[in-house]
């Protein structure tokens, strides 16, 4: 929902606050999205893999900026080959638009 919709600003803020209350979720005060924008993230550690998934939000507006997954602990099995600190995945939302039909490019929206 965060990456594929265009909710009102108040909903972003509510989602950020709700996610922060999920058991095991922590707030990361300084997180970077894929294009280097700084924000605040809600994150959850997968104890088995040692990977932390972060949902990154704008610090002021709580608009969703992107997400990333970071290896923060030595994992088990194949995940044990990854060094803590390794960036596993990252993304950034650069443009959002409302269109009139499915598969319509935003540049053609009326």
N, C-alpha and C. Protein backbone atom coordinates (compact mmCIF):
# COMPACT_ATOMS: atom_id res chain seq x y z
N UNK A 1 0.83 -1.20 0.00
CA UNK A 1 0.00 0.00 0.00
C UNK A 1 0.87 1.26 0.00
N UNK A 2 1.95 1.25 0.74
CA UNK A 2 2.78 2.44 0.83
C UNK A 2 3.40 2.84 -0.50
N UNK A 3 3.87 1.87 -1.26
CA UNK A 3 4.57 2.17 -2.49
C UNK A 3 3.69 2.23 -3.72
N UNK A 4 2.46 1.78 -3.63
CA UNK A 4 1.63 1.66 -4.82
C UNK A 4 0.33 2.45 -4.76
N UNK A 5 0.20 3.34 -3.83
CA UNK A 5 -1.02 4.14 -3.74
C UNK A 5 -0.65 5.59 -3.46
N UNK A 6 -1.65 6.43 -3.45
CA UNK A 6 -1.43 7.87 -3.24
C UNK A 6 -2.41 8.36 -2.16
N UNK A 7 -2.16 7.91 -0.91
CA UNK A 7 -3.09 8.29 0.16
C UNK A 7 -2.95 9.75 0.56
N UNK A 8 -3.98 10.30 1.19
CA UNK A 8 -3.88 11.66 1.71
C UNK A 8 -2.78 11.77 2.76
N UNK A 9 -2.25 12.97 2.94
CA UNK A 9 -1.13 13.20 3.87
C UNK A 9 -1.44 12.69 5.28
N UNK A 10 -2.66 12.88 5.74
CA UNK A 10 -3.02 12.46 7.10
C UNK A 10 -2.91 10.94 7.24
N UNK A 11 -3.19 10.20 6.17
CA UNK A 11 -3.09 8.75 6.24
C UNK A 11 -1.64 8.29 6.35
N UNK A 12 -0.72 8.96 5.64
CA UNK A 12 0.70 8.64 5.78
C UNK A 12 1.13 8.76 7.23
N UNK A 13 0.75 9.86 7.85
CA UNK A 13 1.13 10.09 9.24
C UNK A 13 0.54 9.01 10.14
N UNK A 14 -0.72 8.65 9.90
CA UNK A 14 -1.36 7.60 10.71
C UNK A 14 -0.68 6.25 10.50
N UNK A 15 -0.30 5.93 9.25
CA UNK A 15 0.39 4.68 8.98
C UNK A 15 1.74 4.62 9.67
N UNK A 16 2.48 5.73 9.64
CA UNK A 16 3.77 5.80 10.31
C UNK A 16 3.60 5.55 11.81
N UNK A 17 2.65 6.22 12.41
CA UNK A 17 2.43 6.08 13.86
C UNK A 17 1.94 4.68 14.21
N UNK A 18 1.08 4.09 13.38
CA UNK A 18 0.58 2.74 13.63
C UNK A 18 1.70 1.71 13.49
N UNK A 19 2.52 1.85 12.45
CA UNK A 19 3.62 0.90 12.24
C UNK A 19 4.60 0.94 13.39
N UNK A 20 4.82 2.10 13.96
CA UNK A 20 5.76 2.25 15.07
C UNK A 20 5.28 1.51 16.33
N UNK A 21 3.98 1.17 16.38
CA UNK A 21 3.42 0.49 17.56
C UNK A 21 3.40 -1.04 17.42
N UNK A 22 3.78 -1.55 16.24
CA UNK A 22 3.80 -3.00 16.03
C UNK A 22 4.91 -3.60 16.90
N UNK A 23 4.61 -4.68 17.63
CA UNK A 23 5.64 -5.30 18.47
C UNK A 23 6.88 -5.66 17.65
N UNK A 24 8.04 -5.32 18.18
CA UNK A 24 9.30 -5.62 17.52
C UNK A 24 9.77 -4.54 16.55
N UNK A 25 8.94 -3.55 16.29
CA UNK A 25 9.29 -2.46 15.38
C UNK A 25 10.02 -1.38 16.16
N UNK A 26 11.07 -0.83 15.55
CA UNK A 26 11.82 0.26 16.16
C UNK A 26 11.84 1.44 15.21
N UNK A 27 12.12 2.61 15.74
CA UNK A 27 12.26 3.81 14.93
C UNK A 27 13.75 4.03 14.66
N UNK A 28 14.10 4.23 13.40
CA UNK A 28 15.47 4.55 13.00
C UNK A 28 15.47 6.03 12.68
N UNK A 29 16.14 6.82 13.50
CA UNK A 29 16.07 8.28 13.38
C UNK A 29 16.70 8.85 12.12
N UNK A 30 17.66 8.13 11.53
CA UNK A 30 18.33 8.65 10.34
C UNK A 30 18.49 7.52 9.33
N UNK A 31 17.61 7.50 8.33
CA UNK A 31 17.66 6.47 7.29
C UNK A 31 17.72 7.15 5.93
N UNK A 32 18.39 6.50 4.98
CA UNK A 32 18.53 7.02 3.62
C UNK A 32 17.76 6.16 2.64
N UNK A 33 17.02 6.82 1.72
CA UNK A 33 16.38 6.05 0.66
C UNK A 33 17.37 5.86 -0.50
N UNK A 34 16.91 5.27 -1.59
CA UNK A 34 17.80 4.91 -2.70
C UNK A 34 18.44 6.11 -3.40
N UNK A 35 17.86 7.29 -3.28
CA UNK A 35 18.44 8.48 -3.92
C UNK A 35 19.12 9.41 -2.91
N UNK A 36 19.27 8.94 -1.67
CA UNK A 36 20.01 9.69 -0.67
C UNK A 36 19.21 10.67 0.16
N UNK A 37 17.88 10.63 0.07
CA UNK A 37 17.07 11.52 0.92
C UNK A 37 17.06 10.96 2.34
N UNK A 38 17.25 11.83 3.29
CA UNK A 38 17.23 11.44 4.70
C UNK A 38 15.80 11.49 5.23
N UNK A 39 15.48 10.51 6.04
CA UNK A 39 14.17 10.47 6.66
C UNK A 39 14.25 9.67 7.94
N UNK A 40 13.10 9.43 8.50
CA UNK A 40 12.98 8.61 9.70
C UNK A 40 12.27 7.32 9.26
N UNK A 41 12.69 6.20 9.81
CA UNK A 41 12.14 4.92 9.37
C UNK A 41 11.53 4.15 10.54
N UNK A 42 10.56 3.34 10.20
CA UNK A 42 10.11 2.31 11.12
C UNK A 42 10.71 1.02 10.57
N UNK A 43 11.26 0.21 11.44
CA UNK A 43 12.03 -0.94 10.99
C UNK A 43 11.73 -2.16 11.85
N UNK A 44 11.89 -3.31 11.22
CA UNK A 44 11.68 -4.57 11.92
C UNK A 44 12.82 -5.52 11.56
N UNK A 45 13.39 -6.14 12.56
CA UNK A 45 14.50 -7.07 12.38
C UNK A 45 13.96 -8.49 12.23
N UNK A 46 14.40 -9.17 11.19
CA UNK A 46 14.13 -10.59 11.03
C UNK A 46 15.25 -11.32 11.76
N UNK A 47 14.95 -11.91 12.88
CA UNK A 47 15.97 -12.55 13.72
C UNK A 47 16.68 -13.70 13.01
N UNK A 48 15.99 -14.41 12.14
CA UNK A 48 16.58 -15.55 11.45
C UNK A 48 17.62 -15.11 10.43
N UNK A 49 17.25 -14.13 9.58
CA UNK A 49 18.16 -13.69 8.52
C UNK A 49 19.14 -12.62 9.00
N UNK A 50 18.80 -11.93 10.10
CA UNK A 50 19.63 -10.82 10.56
C UNK A 50 19.43 -9.55 9.75
N UNK A 51 18.37 -9.52 8.93
CA UNK A 51 18.10 -8.36 8.08
C UNK A 51 17.02 -7.47 8.69
N UNK A 52 17.25 -6.15 8.57
CA UNK A 52 16.29 -5.16 9.08
C UNK A 52 15.64 -4.48 7.88
N UNK A 53 14.31 -4.59 7.80
CA UNK A 53 13.55 -3.90 6.75
C UNK A 53 13.10 -2.55 7.29
N UNK A 54 13.40 -1.50 6.54
CA UNK A 54 13.08 -0.14 6.96
C UNK A 54 12.11 0.50 5.98
N UNK A 55 11.03 1.06 6.49
CA UNK A 55 10.13 1.89 5.69
C UNK A 55 10.49 3.32 6.02
N UNK A 56 10.92 4.08 5.04
CA UNK A 56 11.46 5.42 5.27
C UNK A 56 10.42 6.48 4.95
N UNK A 57 10.25 7.41 5.88
CA UNK A 57 9.27 8.48 5.76
C UNK A 57 9.96 9.84 5.88
N UNK A 58 9.39 10.84 5.24
CA UNK A 58 9.87 12.21 5.42
C UNK A 58 9.70 12.57 6.89
N UNK A 59 10.71 13.15 7.47
CA UNK A 59 10.70 13.46 8.90
C UNK A 59 9.57 14.41 9.30
N UNK A 60 9.26 15.37 8.44
CA UNK A 60 8.26 16.39 8.78
C UNK A 60 6.84 15.98 8.38
N UNK A 61 6.66 15.50 7.15
CA UNK A 61 5.32 15.22 6.64
C UNK A 61 4.89 13.78 6.79
N UNK A 62 5.84 12.89 7.06
CA UNK A 62 5.62 11.44 7.12
C UNK A 62 5.21 10.84 5.79
N UNK A 63 5.42 11.54 4.67
CA UNK A 63 5.19 10.96 3.35
C UNK A 63 6.20 9.83 3.14
N UNK A 64 5.74 8.71 2.60
CA UNK A 64 6.60 7.55 2.37
C UNK A 64 7.60 7.87 1.27
N UNK A 65 8.91 7.74 1.59
CA UNK A 65 9.98 8.02 0.63
C UNK A 65 10.47 6.77 -0.08
N UNK A 66 10.50 5.65 0.63
CA UNK A 66 11.01 4.41 0.05
C UNK A 66 11.31 3.42 1.15
N UNK A 67 12.06 2.41 0.77
CA UNK A 67 12.39 1.39 1.76
C UNK A 67 13.78 0.83 1.49
N UNK A 68 14.31 0.16 2.47
CA UNK A 68 15.57 -0.53 2.29
C UNK A 68 15.66 -1.68 3.27
N UNK A 69 16.50 -2.64 2.91
CA UNK A 69 16.77 -3.78 3.77
C UNK A 69 18.28 -3.81 3.99
N UNK A 70 18.67 -3.89 5.26
CA UNK A 70 20.08 -3.86 5.64
C UNK A 70 20.39 -5.10 6.48
N UNK A 71 21.51 -5.73 6.17
CA UNK A 71 21.99 -6.84 6.99
C UNK A 71 22.60 -6.21 8.25
N UNK A 72 22.00 -6.46 9.40
CA UNK A 72 22.51 -5.84 10.63
C UNK A 72 23.13 -6.83 11.61
N UNK A 73 22.81 -8.12 11.43
CA UNK A 73 23.39 -9.16 12.27
C UNK A 73 23.78 -10.32 11.38
N UNK A 74 24.75 -11.08 11.81
CA UNK A 74 25.13 -12.27 11.06
C UNK A 74 23.95 -13.24 11.08
N UNK A 75 23.50 -13.66 9.91
CA UNK A 75 22.36 -14.55 9.81
C UNK A 75 22.76 -16.00 9.93
N UNK A 76 21.78 -16.87 9.71
CA UNK A 76 22.00 -18.31 9.75
C UNK A 76 21.99 -18.85 8.32
N UNK A 77 22.59 -20.00 8.09
CA UNK A 77 22.57 -20.64 6.77
C UNK A 77 23.20 -19.75 5.71
N UNK A 78 22.57 -19.68 4.53
CA UNK A 78 23.09 -18.86 3.44
C UNK A 78 23.18 -17.39 3.82
N UNK A 79 22.25 -16.92 4.69
CA UNK A 79 22.28 -15.52 5.13
C UNK A 79 23.51 -15.22 5.97
N UNK A 80 24.17 -16.24 6.48
CA UNK A 80 25.37 -16.06 7.28
C UNK A 80 26.57 -15.59 6.46
N UNK A 81 26.45 -15.63 5.14
CA UNK A 81 27.54 -15.18 4.27
C UNK A 81 27.57 -13.66 4.12
N UNK A 82 26.50 -12.99 4.48
CA UNK A 82 26.43 -11.54 4.32
C UNK A 82 27.01 -10.82 5.53
N UNK A 83 27.83 -9.83 5.27
CA UNK A 83 28.47 -9.05 6.32
C UNK A 83 27.50 -8.02 6.89
N UNK A 84 27.40 -7.90 8.22
CA UNK A 84 26.56 -6.84 8.78
C UNK A 84 26.95 -5.48 8.19
N UNK A 85 25.95 -4.68 7.87
CA UNK A 85 26.16 -3.39 7.22
C UNK A 85 25.90 -3.43 5.73
N UNK A 86 25.76 -4.65 5.16
CA UNK A 86 25.51 -4.79 3.72
C UNK A 86 24.09 -4.33 3.39
N UNK A 87 23.97 -3.48 2.37
CA UNK A 87 22.67 -3.04 1.89
C UNK A 87 22.14 -4.12 0.95
N UNK A 88 21.01 -4.70 1.28
CA UNK A 88 20.43 -5.81 0.52
C UNK A 88 19.49 -5.29 -0.56
N UNK A 89 18.70 -4.28 -0.23
CA UNK A 89 17.69 -3.76 -1.15
C UNK A 89 17.42 -2.30 -0.79
N UNK A 90 17.14 -1.49 -1.80
CA UNK A 90 16.75 -0.11 -1.55
C UNK A 90 15.83 0.38 -2.67
N UNK A 91 14.93 1.28 -2.34
CA UNK A 91 14.04 1.86 -3.34
C UNK A 91 13.68 3.28 -2.92
N UNK A 92 13.17 4.04 -3.89
CA UNK A 92 12.73 5.41 -3.61
C UNK A 92 11.52 5.71 -4.49
N UNK A 93 10.55 6.37 -3.92
CA UNK A 93 9.38 6.84 -4.67
C UNK A 93 9.74 8.25 -5.14
N UNK A 94 9.85 8.42 -6.45
CA UNK A 94 10.24 9.72 -7.00
C UNK A 94 9.07 10.52 -7.53
N UNK A 95 8.02 9.83 -7.97
CA UNK A 95 6.87 10.53 -8.55
C UNK A 95 5.61 9.73 -8.29
N UNK A 96 4.56 10.43 -7.92
CA UNK A 96 3.25 9.82 -7.76
C UNK A 96 2.27 10.65 -8.57
N UNK A 97 1.30 10.00 -9.16
CA UNK A 97 0.30 10.72 -9.93
C UNK A 97 -1.00 9.92 -9.94
N UNK A 98 -2.08 10.63 -10.11
CA UNK A 98 -3.40 10.02 -10.25
C UNK A 98 -3.72 10.00 -11.74
N UNK A 99 -4.14 8.84 -12.25
CA UNK A 99 -4.48 8.71 -13.67
C UNK A 99 -5.94 8.29 -13.79
N UNK A 100 -6.47 8.38 -15.00
CA UNK A 100 -7.88 8.07 -15.24
C UNK A 100 -8.15 6.60 -15.53
N UNK A 101 -7.10 5.85 -15.92
CA UNK A 101 -7.30 4.45 -16.29
C UNK A 101 -6.06 3.64 -15.96
N UNK A 102 -6.26 2.33 -15.81
CA UNK A 102 -5.12 1.44 -15.58
C UNK A 102 -4.17 1.49 -16.76
N UNK A 103 -2.89 1.38 -16.48
CA UNK A 103 -1.82 1.38 -17.49
C UNK A 103 -1.66 2.70 -18.22
N UNK A 104 -2.36 3.75 -17.79
CA UNK A 104 -2.21 5.06 -18.41
C UNK A 104 -0.99 5.75 -17.79
N UNK A 105 -0.03 6.18 -18.60
CA UNK A 105 1.12 6.90 -18.07
C UNK A 105 0.68 8.23 -17.45
N UNK A 106 1.28 8.63 -16.34
CA UNK A 106 0.91 9.90 -15.70
C UNK A 106 1.00 11.10 -16.64
N UNK A 107 1.91 11.04 -17.60
CA UNK A 107 2.06 12.18 -18.52
C UNK A 107 0.85 12.35 -19.42
N UNK A 108 -0.03 11.33 -19.52
CA UNK A 108 -1.21 11.41 -20.37
C UNK A 108 -2.48 11.60 -19.57
N UNK A 109 -2.36 11.79 -18.26
CA UNK A 109 -3.54 11.96 -17.41
C UNK A 109 -4.21 13.30 -17.70
N UNK A 110 -5.52 13.30 -17.64
CA UNK A 110 -6.28 14.52 -17.94
C UNK A 110 -6.58 15.27 -16.77
